C-alpha cells in the first residue's frame, strides 16, 4: 500500500498497514520499554480528513494521548501519508462513518482474568457459556459497578469462541455503539443491513445495557433483536451496572427478558485479588520494585475497582520511568497522595468544586466562557484532572465544561501537560488537588 493513498474511504487493511509502518518508526525512536507499554497497545480505528483516529485501553489512553500524540503525528508525517493529526476520539465520533465493529482486546482472556471471591461465580458462568453457547445459561446477565471486570469477561467469551469455534459468528459491542448504529441506520435508510448485522449471528455480547434507558426507539429495536436471537437459539450475554429490576426506566418487557437466564453479580476485589492483579501487571511491565511493601501500599490505597487500580499503577510506573526511580512505597505516596481509598467514583462536580476553590473562583466561572487568565487556567486544570481521574471521553468532558468541543478539551489537556514540567507552582496545585479529591476531608459530601 502506498501511504499517500490512505483517505476517509480507505479499507481496514490499508489503515492497518499504515499503522504497522508507523509503529515501526515509533519503535525506532523510543526505548523498547516505552514502546511496549505506551505505543504498542494503540490501534488505528479510522481516518477522516487529515486525522488518524486511535483507540487505546483506558489504563494508558490519557497518558499516551498527552505524551505521544505529537510523536505519532511526526511519524505519520515522515511516512508521506496525508494524515497529519492524531485523535483518540471514540470510533463513533468519526463523522460520516458507520460505527465500526469494536476490536476485542486480545489481553481479555480467561487465562488473564484474576479470580477472587467477588467474581468467582461470574467467571465460572462466563466460561460455561464460552464452552457451550446456548446450552449453559441464556441469557447470561452480569451486573456490578464499573471497573470490576464485566467487560473483560464478555471479551473473554468472544475471544474464546473466535479461537475455538471459528464457525460461529460472534459480535461484541456496547449498548452505546448499538444505539449509534441504529440511529445511523435510520438516517441512511439502512435498517435492513443493521438488522442483518445483529440478528443473523450465533452469539451477541452487549456491554452496559443501562445505556438503553430513556431511548424508546432503541429499546424497541433491541427488544426485537433479543427476541429474534433467543428464538433462533443464539446465545446472549449482557452486562450492566445494576440488576435488571433496578433499570427502572427500561421497558419492563426488556427487564423481564434479561432475567430469563442467569443473573450474576461481579463484586469489588478483596486485598488478595488486588495484590495478584498488581503483581501480574508489574511483572509484565518489567519495572523495578523498590521495596517489598510497595504493592501492598498501592493495593490498600485503591480498593474500589480493578480499573482504578490499573490506572493508579500506570501513573506510578510512568513517574518511576520519567524520574528514573524504582517503584516504591515512597513514590506511591507521592503520586497517590492521601490514598485512593473510596467506595465511590470521583465525580466531575467534586473536581470542579475543588479546582474552583483552589483558584478562588466560583464553579460557574470555571465552566463559563470567561477567557480571563485565572478562570481559563482553572478550567484547563479541571479538564486535565477530569480526564485523569474519570473514565469520561473527550466529548463527554466537553459537554460538562460549557459544551466545549473535542478539540478545545484536547488543547486544554496538552497545555496543562506541557506546563507541568516547567511551572512548579502549577505542578504543586495539581498535586494538592489530586490529594484533596482522592481524600476529601470529612468523607463523602
Protein backbone atom coordinates (compact mmCIF):
# COMPACT_ATOMS: atom_id res chain seq x y z
CA UNK A 1 0.00 0.00 0.00
CA UNK A 2 1.21 3.50 -0.83
CA UNK A 3 0.85 5.71 2.24
CA UNK A 4 -0.49 8.65 0.28
CA UNK A 5 -3.49 6.53 -0.75
CA UNK A 6 -4.87 6.47 2.78
CA UNK A 7 -8.06 8.53 2.95
CA UNK A 8 -11.53 8.63 4.51
CA UNK A 9 -12.56 5.70 2.36
CA UNK A 10 -9.53 3.54 2.99
CA UNK A 11 -10.11 -0.11 3.74
CA UNK A 12 -9.32 -1.54 7.19
CA UNK A 13 -6.42 -3.42 5.57
CA UNK A 14 -4.90 -0.21 4.21
CA UNK A 15 -5.31 1.55 7.53
CA UNK A 16 -3.75 -1.39 9.39
CA UNK A 17 -0.79 -1.45 7.01
CA UNK A 18 -0.22 2.28 7.54
CA UNK A 19 -0.39 1.89 11.31
CA UNK A 20 2.04 -1.04 11.32
CA UNK A 21 4.53 1.05 9.35
CA UNK A 22 4.04 3.97 11.73
CA UNK A 23 4.60 1.72 14.76
CA UNK A 24 7.91 0.58 13.29
CA UNK A 25 9.05 4.20 13.02
CA UNK A 26 7.93 4.86 16.58
CA UNK A 27 9.70 1.76 17.87
CA UNK A 28 12.98 3.03 16.46
CA UNK A 29 12.59 6.41 18.19
CA UNK A 30 11.78 5.43 21.79
CA UNK A 31 13.13 2.95 24.37
CA UNK A 32 11.73 -0.55 23.96
CA UNK A 33 10.01 -0.43 27.35
CA UNK A 34 8.24 2.81 26.40
CA UNK A 35 7.16 1.33 23.08
CA UNK A 36 5.73 -1.82 24.65
CA UNK A 37 3.95 -0.02 27.48
CA UNK A 38 2.51 3.05 25.74
CA UNK A 39 2.57 2.68 21.95
CA UNK A 40 2.20 -0.98 21.00
CA UNK A 41 -1.33 -1.29 22.52
CA UNK A 42 -2.67 1.58 20.37
CA UNK A 43 -4.96 0.67 17.47
CA UNK A 44 -5.90 2.65 14.36
CA UNK A 45 -9.70 2.67 14.08
CA UNK A 46 -10.38 5.19 11.34
CA UNK A 47 -9.31 8.21 9.32
CA UNK A 48 -11.13 11.38 8.35
CA UNK A 49 -9.64 14.38 6.55
CA UNK A 50 -6.06 14.67 7.77
CA UNK A 51 -6.74 12.97 11.12
CA UNK A 52 -5.93 9.42 12.18
CA UNK A 53 -8.21 8.12 14.93
CA UNK A 54 -6.64 5.85 17.53
CA UNK A 55 -8.14 3.69 20.26
CA UNK A 56 -6.32 2.70 23.43
CA UNK A 57 -7.04 0.71 26.58
CA UNK A 58 -8.41 3.04 29.25
CA UNK A 59 -5.45 2.32 31.51
CA UNK A 60 -2.99 4.00 29.15
CA UNK A 61 -5.16 6.22 26.98
CA UNK A 62 -4.84 9.55 28.80
CA UNK A 63 -1.08 9.31 29.23
CA UNK A 64 -0.45 8.11 25.67
CA UNK A 65 -2.61 10.91 24.30
CA UNK A 66 -0.85 13.63 26.27
CA UNK A 67 2.71 12.37 25.92
CA UNK A 68 2.87 10.78 22.49
CA UNK A 69 0.34 12.46 20.17
CA UNK A 70 2.99 14.78 18.74
CA UNK A 71 5.48 11.95 18.30
CA UNK A 72 2.90 9.86 16.46
CA UNK A 73 1.98 12.80 14.25
CA UNK A 74 5.66 13.25 13.33
CA UNK A 75 5.93 9.57 12.43
CA UNK A 76 2.86 9.89 10.21
CA UNK A 77 4.34 12.96 8.53
CA UNK A 78 7.56 11.06 7.80
CA UNK A 79 5.59 8.30 6.09
CA UNK A 80 4.28 10.59 3.35
CA UNK A 81 0.62 9.98 4.23
CA UNK A 82 -1.84 12.90 4.03
CA UNK A 83 -2.70 12.20 7.66
CA UNK A 84 -1.09 14.87 9.83
CA UNK A 85 -3.01 14.81 13.10
CA UNK A 86 -3.88 12.23 15.73
CA UNK A 87 -7.06 11.97 17.77
CA UNK A 88 -8.03 9.49 20.48
CA UNK A 89 -11.73 10.06 19.85
CA UNK A 90 -14.18 7.21 20.24
CA UNK A 91 -14.93 5.40 16.96
CA UNK A 92 -18.48 6.81 16.75
CA UNK A 93 -17.07 10.34 16.77
CA UNK A 94 -15.67 9.92 13.25
CA UNK A 95 -18.09 11.88 11.09
CA UNK A 96 -19.76 10.04 8.26
CA UNK A 97 -18.58 6.58 9.30
CA UNK A 98 -20.77 3.66 10.28
CA UNK A 99 -19.90 2.51 13.76
CA UNK A 100 -17.00 0.08 13.21
CA UNK A 101 -17.00 -3.28 14.91
CA UNK A 102 -15.35 -2.93 18.30
CA UNK A 103 -11.98 -4.60 18.29
CA UNK A 104 -11.57 -7.15 21.04
CA UNK A 105 -8.71 -6.61 23.46
CA UNK A 106 -6.52 -9.71 22.99
CA UNK A 107 -5.48 -9.50 26.65
CA UNK A 108 -9.05 -10.04 27.79
CA UNK A 109 -8.96 -13.82 28.10
CA UNK A 110 -9.99 -16.29 30.78
CA UNK A 111 -6.34 -17.10 31.48
CA UNK A 112 -5.61 -13.47 32.30
CA UNK A 113 -8.70 -12.92 34.43
CA UNK A 114 -7.74 -12.82 38.11
CA UNK A 115 -10.28 -14.87 40.05
CA UNK A 116 -11.27 -13.83 43.57
CA UNK A 117 -14.12 -14.20 46.00
CA UNK A 118 -16.12 -11.40 44.36
CA UNK A 119 -16.01 -12.69 40.80
CA UNK A 120 -15.60 -16.47 41.01
CA UNK A 121 -19.23 -17.25 40.11
CA UNK A 122 -19.26 -14.74 37.25
CA UNK A 123 -16.05 -16.23 35.84
CA UNK A 124 -17.42 -19.76 36.06
CA UNK A 125 -20.69 -18.79 34.35
CA UNK A 126 -18.87 -16.92 31.57
CA UNK A 127 -16.55 -19.87 30.95
CA UNK A 128 -19.51 -22.25 30.83
CA UNK A 129 -21.18 -20.06 28.20
CA UNK A 130 -17.97 -19.91 26.16
CA UNK A 131 -17.56 -23.69 26.25
CA UNK A 132 -21.22 -24.42 25.42
CA UNK A 133 -23.02 -21.38 23.97
CA UNK A 134 -26.82 -21.55 24.14
CA UNK A 135 -26.60 -24.68 26.30
CA UNK A 136 -25.50 -23.34 29.68
CA UNK A 137 -27.13 -20.02 30.60
CA UNK A 138 -29.10 -17.94 28.13
CA UNK A 139 -29.10 -15.06 28.58
CA UNK A 140 -26.19 -14.56 30.96
CA UNK A 141 -26.53 -11.20 32.71
CA UNK A 142 -23.52 -9.83 34.62
CA UNK A 143 -24.00 -6.80 36.85
CA UNK A 144 -21.87 -4.65 39.12
CA UNK A 145 -20.23 -1.21 39.41
CA UNK A 146 -17.80 -0.08 36.68
CA UNK A 147 -14.25 -1.38 36.59
CA UNK A 148 -14.75 -4.81 38.15
CA UNK A 149 -14.14 -6.97 35.08
CA UNK A 150 -17.51 -7.32 33.33
CA UNK A 151 -16.07 -6.13 30.03
CA UNK A 152 -13.11 -8.48 30.49
CA UNK A 153 -15.43 -11.46 30.87
CA UNK A 154 -17.58 -10.54 27.86
CA UNK A 155 -14.49 -10.09 25.71
CA UNK A 156 -13.02 -13.34 27.09
CA UNK A 157 -16.10 -15.22 25.89
CA UNK A 158 -15.78 -13.65 22.44
CA UNK A 159 -12.03 -14.31 22.24
CA UNK A 160 -12.51 -17.92 23.35
CA UNK A 161 -15.18 -18.57 20.74
CA UNK A 162 -13.21 -16.96 17.93
CA UNK A 163 -10.21 -19.13 18.79
CA UNK A 164 -12.05 -22.38 19.47
CA UNK A 165 -15.26 -22.16 17.46
CA UNK A 166 -14.40 -20.19 14.30
CA UNK A 167 -17.54 -21.47 12.61
CA UNK A 168 -19.73 -19.40 14.94
CA UNK A 169 -20.50 -15.76 14.16
CA UNK A 170 -19.80 -13.69 17.28
CA UNK A 171 -20.37 -9.99 17.86
CA UNK A 172 -19.28 -7.96 20.88
CA UNK A 173 -20.43 -4.36 21.23
CA UNK A 174 -21.70 -1.83 23.75
CA UNK A 175 -25.24 -0.55 24.14
CA UNK A 176 -23.94 2.89 23.20
CA UNK A 177 -22.48 1.59 19.93
CA UNK A 178 -25.68 -0.36 19.25
CA UNK A 179 -27.64 2.88 19.70
CA UNK A 180 -25.31 4.90 17.48
CA UNK A 181 -25.51 2.30 14.72
CA UNK A 182 -29.28 2.17 14.97
CA UNK A 183 -29.61 5.96 14.69
CA UNK A 184 -27.21 6.00 11.73
CA UNK A 185 -29.18 3.21 10.05
CA UNK A 186 -32.43 5.14 10.44
CA UNK A 187 -30.91 8.28 8.93
CA UNK A 188 -29.40 6.42 5.99
CA UNK A 189 -32.30 4.03 5.33
CA UNK A 190 -30.03 1.15 6.22
CA UNK A 191 -32.23 -0.55 8.78
CA UNK A 192 -32.27 -3.88 6.96
CA UNK A 193 -28.46 -4.05 6.92
CA UNK A 194 -28.47 -3.16 10.61
CA UNK A 195 -30.93 -5.96 11.41
CA UNK A 196 -28.86 -8.45 9.44
CA UNK A 197 -25.74 -7.40 11.31
CA UNK A 198 -27.31 -8.10 14.70
CA UNK A 199 -29.87 -10.84 14.10
CA UNK A 200 -28.04 -13.25 11.79
CA UNK A 201 -25.40 -14.24 14.34
CA UNK A 202 -24.79 -17.06 16.81
CA UNK A 203 -23.56 -15.09 19.83
CA UNK A 204 -24.26 -11.47 20.79
CA UNK A 205 -22.48 -9.82 23.71
CA UNK A 206 -23.77 -6.38 24.76
CA UNK A 207 -21.91 -4.31 27.38
CA UNK A 208 -23.51 -1.58 29.54
CA UNK A 209 -27.15 -2.17 28.63
CA UNK A 210 -28.15 0.53 31.13
CA UNK A 211 -27.30 2.93 28.29
CA UNK A 212 -30.57 1.90 26.63
CA UNK A 213 -32.58 3.58 29.39
CA UNK A 214 -34.61 6.53 28.17
CA UNK A 215 -34.21 5.68 24.47
CA UNK A 216 -37.60 4.20 23.48
CA UNK A 217 -36.83 3.67 19.79
CA UNK A 218 -33.56 1.87 20.52
CA UNK A 219 -35.21 -0.16 23.29
CA UNK A 220 -37.86 -1.27 20.82
CA UNK A 221 -35.24 -2.34 18.28
CA UNK A 222 -33.21 -4.18 20.92
CA UNK A 223 -36.35 -5.92 22.17
CA UNK A 224 -36.97 -7.36 18.69
CA UNK A 225 -33.27 -8.20 18.28
CA UNK A 226 -33.30 -10.04 21.62
CA UNK A 227 -36.40 -11.99 20.67
CA UNK A 228 -35.07 -12.93 17.23
CA UNK A 229 -31.80 -14.22 18.65
CA UNK A 230 -33.33 -16.03 21.59
CA UNK A 231 -35.96 -17.77 19.46
CA UNK A 232 -33.33 -18.87 16.94
CA UNK A 233 -31.22 -20.42 19.71
CA UNK A 234 -28.44 -17.83 19.68
CA UNK A 235 -26.53 -17.02 22.85
CA UNK A 236 -26.95 -13.62 24.53
CA UNK A 237 -24.57 -12.20 27.14
CA UNK A 238 -25.36 -8.85 28.73
CA UNK A 239 -23.80 -6.58 31.33
CA UNK A 240 -25.00 -3.56 33.29
CA UNK A 241 -24.10 -1.54 36.36
CA UNK A 242 -27.28 -2.74 38.15
CA UNK A 243 -29.51 -5.80 38.37
CA UNK A 244 -32.32 -5.83 35.76
CA UNK A 245 -35.04 -4.88 38.24
CA UNK A 246 -33.16 -1.66 39.10
CA UNK A 247 -33.06 -0.49 35.47
CA UNK A 248 -36.19 1.43 36.34
CA UNK A 249 -36.66 3.43 33.15
CA UNK A 250 -36.09 0.44 30.89
CA UNK A 251 -39.24 -1.16 29.48
CA UNK A 252 -40.50 -3.91 31.80
CA UNK A 253 -40.62 -6.44 28.96
CA UNK A 254 -36.87 -5.98 28.43
CA UNK A 255 -36.12 -6.25 32.16
CA UNK A 256 -38.12 -9.48 32.26
CA UNK A 257 -36.16 -10.96 29.38
CA UNK A 258 -32.85 -10.07 30.98
CA UNK A 259 -33.84 -12.30 33.91
CA UNK A 260 -34.79 -15.32 31.83
CA UNK A 261 -31.38 -16.90 32.24
CA UNK A 262 -28.70 -16.47 34.93
CA UNK A 263 -28.04 -13.14 36.66
CA UNK A 264 -24.67 -12.90 38.42
CA UNK A 265 -23.06 -10.11 40.46
CA UNK A 266 -19.45 -9.03 39.98
CA UNK A 267 -18.24 -7.57 43.27
CA UNK A 268 -15.25 -5.40 44.28
CA UNK A 269 -11.94 -7.28 44.64
CA UNK A 270 -10.57 -8.11 48.06
CA UNK A 271 -6.96 -7.31 49.06
CA UNK A 272 -5.59 -10.68 47.90
CA UNK A 273 -7.15 -10.25 44.46
CA UNK A 274 -5.85 -6.69 44.14
CA UNK A 275 -2.34 -7.83 45.03
CA UNK A 276 -2.48 -10.63 42.46
CA UNK A 277 -3.55 -8.16 39.79
CA UNK A 278 -0.74 -5.75 40.70
CA UNK A 279 1.93 -8.46 40.73
CA UNK A 280 0.92 -9.60 37.27
CA UNK A 281 0.91 -6.07 35.86
CA UNK A 282 4.28 -5.22 37.39
CA UNK A 283 5.81 -8.44 36.12
CA UNK A 284 4.60 -7.70 32.60
CA UNK A 285 5.81 -4.10 32.67
CA UNK A 286 9.34 -5.08 33.74
CA UNK A 287 9.50 -2.20 36.24
CA UNK A 288 11.84 -2.48 39.22
CA UNK A 289 10.26 -2.80 42.67
CA UNK A 290 11.99 -0.60 45.23
CA UNK A 291 10.66 -2.41 48.31
CA UNK A 292 8.57 -5.44 49.13
CA UNK A 293 5.71 -3.39 50.59
CA UNK A 294 5.12 -1.20 47.55
CA UNK A 295 2.35 -3.26 46.01
CA UNK A 296 0.59 -3.75 49.33
CA UNK A 297 0.71 0.01 49.82
CA UNK A 298 -0.95 0.62 46.46
CA UNK A 299 -3.49 -2.19 46.95
CA UNK A 300 -4.52 -0.66 50.28
CA UNK A 301 -4.89 2.80 48.76
CA UNK A 302 -7.02 1.77 45.77
CA UNK A 303 -9.83 -0.57 46.74
CA UNK A 304 -12.78 0.49 44.61
CA UNK A 305 -12.19 -1.48 41.42
CA UNK A 306 -9.63 -3.09 39.12
CA UNK A 307 -9.77 -0.30 36.54
CA UNK A 308 -8.80 2.35 39.10
CA UNK A 309 -6.10 0.04 40.43
CA UNK A 310 -4.66 -0.44 36.94
CA UNK A 311 -4.84 3.30 36.26
CA UNK A 312 -3.10 4.13 39.53
CA UNK A 313 -0.31 1.64 38.81
CA UNK A 314 0.08 3.08 35.31
CA UNK A 315 0.55 6.57 36.78
CA UNK A 316 3.11 5.30 39.29
CA UNK A 317 5.03 3.38 36.60
CA UNK A 318 5.05 6.49 34.40
CA UNK A 319 6.53 8.60 37.21
CA UNK A 320 9.06 5.88 38.02
CA UNK A 321 10.14 5.76 34.38
CA UNK A 322 10.36 9.53 33.91
CA UNK A 323 12.17 10.11 37.22
CA UNK A 324 14.43 7.02 36.92
CA UNK A 325 13.26 5.78 40.31
CA UNK A 326 12.19 2.31 41.44
CA UNK A 327 8.55 1.65 42.23
CA UNK A 328 8.49 2.12 45.99
CA UNK A 329 6.06 2.88 48.81
CA UNK A 330 7.54 6.39 48.97
CA UNK A 331 6.87 7.02 45.26
CA UNK A 332 3.33 5.68 45.58
CA UNK A 333 2.67 8.09 48.47
CA UNK A 334 3.85 10.97 46.26
CA UNK A 335 1.85 10.01 43.18
CA UNK A 336 -1.29 8.85 45.01
CA UNK A 337 -1.27 11.28 47.97
CA UNK A 338 -3.64 10.56 50.80
CA UNK A 339 -4.54 7.23 49.27
CA UNK A 340 -7.28 6.48 46.84
CA UNK A 341 -9.50 4.52 49.20
CA UNK A 342 -13.04 5.19 48.25
CA UNK A 343 -16.19 3.23 47.65
CA UNK A 344 -17.43 5.88 45.24
CA UNK A 345 -16.11 7.02 41.88
CA UNK A 346 -14.66 10.50 41.53
CA UNK A 347 -17.38 12.89 40.39
CA UNK A 348 -16.89 15.74 37.93
CA UNK A 349 -18.84 18.00 40.29
CA UNK A 350 -16.30 17.35 43.05
CA UNK A 351 -13.36 18.02 40.73
CA UNK A 352 -14.91 21.28 39.53
CA UNK A 353 -15.69 22.44 43.06
CA UNK A 354 -12.21 21.62 44.38
CA UNK A 355 -10.47 23.36 41.48
CA UNK A 356 -12.71 26.42 41.69
CA UNK A 357 -11.97 26.77 45.41
CA UNK A 358 -8.23 26.35 44.87
CA UNK A 359 -8.16 29.10 42.22
CA UNK A 360 -10.50 31.40 44.16
CA UNK A 361 -13.34 31.50 41.64
CA UNK A 362 -16.89 30.19 41.51
CA UNK A 363 -17.84 26.95 39.84
CA UNK A 364 -19.98 28.97 37.39
CA UNK A 365 -16.90 30.93 36.33
CA UNK A 366 -14.97 27.67 35.96
CA UNK A 367 -17.37 26.18 33.43
CA UNK A 368 -18.34 29.50 31.86
CA UNK A 369 -16.99 31.35 28.84
CA UNK A 370 -14.56 33.75 30.51
CA UNK A 371 -11.14 33.95 28.84
CA UNK A 372 -9.57 35.82 31.77
CA UNK A 373 -6.30 34.28 32.91
CA UNK A 374 -7.41 32.75 36.22
CA UNK A 375 -10.72 31.15 35.09
CA UNK A 376 -9.04 29.92 31.91
CA UNK A 377 -6.16 28.29 33.80
CA UNK A 378 -8.52 26.81 36.39
CA UNK A 379 -10.73 25.40 33.63
CA UNK A 380 -7.76 23.78 31.91
CA UNK A 381 -6.61 22.19 35.18
CA UNK A 382 -10.13 20.93 35.94
CA UNK A 383 -10.39 19.39 32.47
CA UNK A 384 -6.96 17.79 32.94
CA UNK A 385 -7.97 16.24 36.28
CA UNK A 386 -11.34 15.12 34.93
CA UNK A 387 -9.59 13.27 32.12
CA UNK A 388 -7.10 11.71 34.54
CA UNK A 389 -9.47 10.76 37.36
CA UNK A 390 -12.60 9.67 35.48
CA UNK A 391 -13.44 7.36 32.60
CA UNK A 392 -15.16 10.07 30.54
CA UNK A 393 -14.37 10.57 26.85
CA UNK A 394 -13.26 13.94 25.48
CA UNK A 395 -16.72 14.86 24.10
CA UNK A 396 -18.34 13.89 27.41
CA UNK A 397 -15.89 16.13 29.28
CA UNK A 398 -16.54 18.97 26.85
CA UNK A 399 -20.27 18.81 27.47
CA UNK A 400 -19.67 19.14 31.22
CA UNK A 401 -17.49 22.21 30.73
CA UNK A 402 -19.89 24.56 29.00
CA UNK A 403 -20.49 22.47 25.88
CA UNK A 404 -16.93 22.73 24.62
CA UNK A 405 -15.88 20.61 21.68
CA UNK A 406 -13.40 17.74 21.47
CA UNK A 407 -10.60 19.96 20.09
CA UNK A 408 -10.89 22.50 22.91
CA UNK A 409 -10.71 19.77 25.55
CA UNK A 410 -7.69 18.21 23.87
CA UNK A 411 -5.97 21.60 23.69
CA UNK A 412 -6.54 22.14 27.42
CA UNK A 413 -5.00 18.76 28.21
CA UNK A 414 -1.94 19.48 26.13
CA UNK A 415 -1.43 22.95 27.63
CA UNK A 416 -1.51 21.67 31.20
CA UNK A 417 0.70 18.70 30.38
CA UNK A 418 3.27 20.95 28.72
CA UNK A 419 3.36 23.37 31.66
CA UNK A 420 3.59 20.77 34.43
CA UNK A 421 7.26 20.15 33.65
CA UNK A 422 8.23 23.83 33.75
CA UNK A 423 5.79 25.50 36.17
CA UNK A 424 6.48 24.35 39.73
CA UNK A 425 3.54 26.33 41.13
CA UNK A 426 1.09 24.71 38.73
CA UNK A 427 2.54 21.25 39.40
CA UNK A 428 2.08 21.81 43.15
CA UNK A 429 -1.54 22.93 42.66
CA UNK A 430 -2.29 19.80 40.61
CA UNK A 431 -0.61 17.58 43.19
CA UNK A 432 -2.60 19.17 46.05
CA UNK A 433 -5.84 18.89 44.10
CA UNK A 434 -5.26 15.21 43.40
CA UNK A 435 -4.79 14.64 47.11
CA UNK A 436 -7.88 16.65 48.06
CA UNK A 437 -10.05 14.85 45.50
CA UNK A 438 -8.78 11.40 46.46
CA UNK A 439 -9.04 12.04 50.20
CA UNK A 440 -11.78 14.62 50.93
CA UNK A 441 -11.88 15.91 54.49
CA UNK A 442 -14.94 14.68 56.32
CA UNK A 443 -15.64 11.83 53.93
CA UNK A 444 -18.41 11.85 51.35
CA UNK A 445 -20.22 15.09 50.92
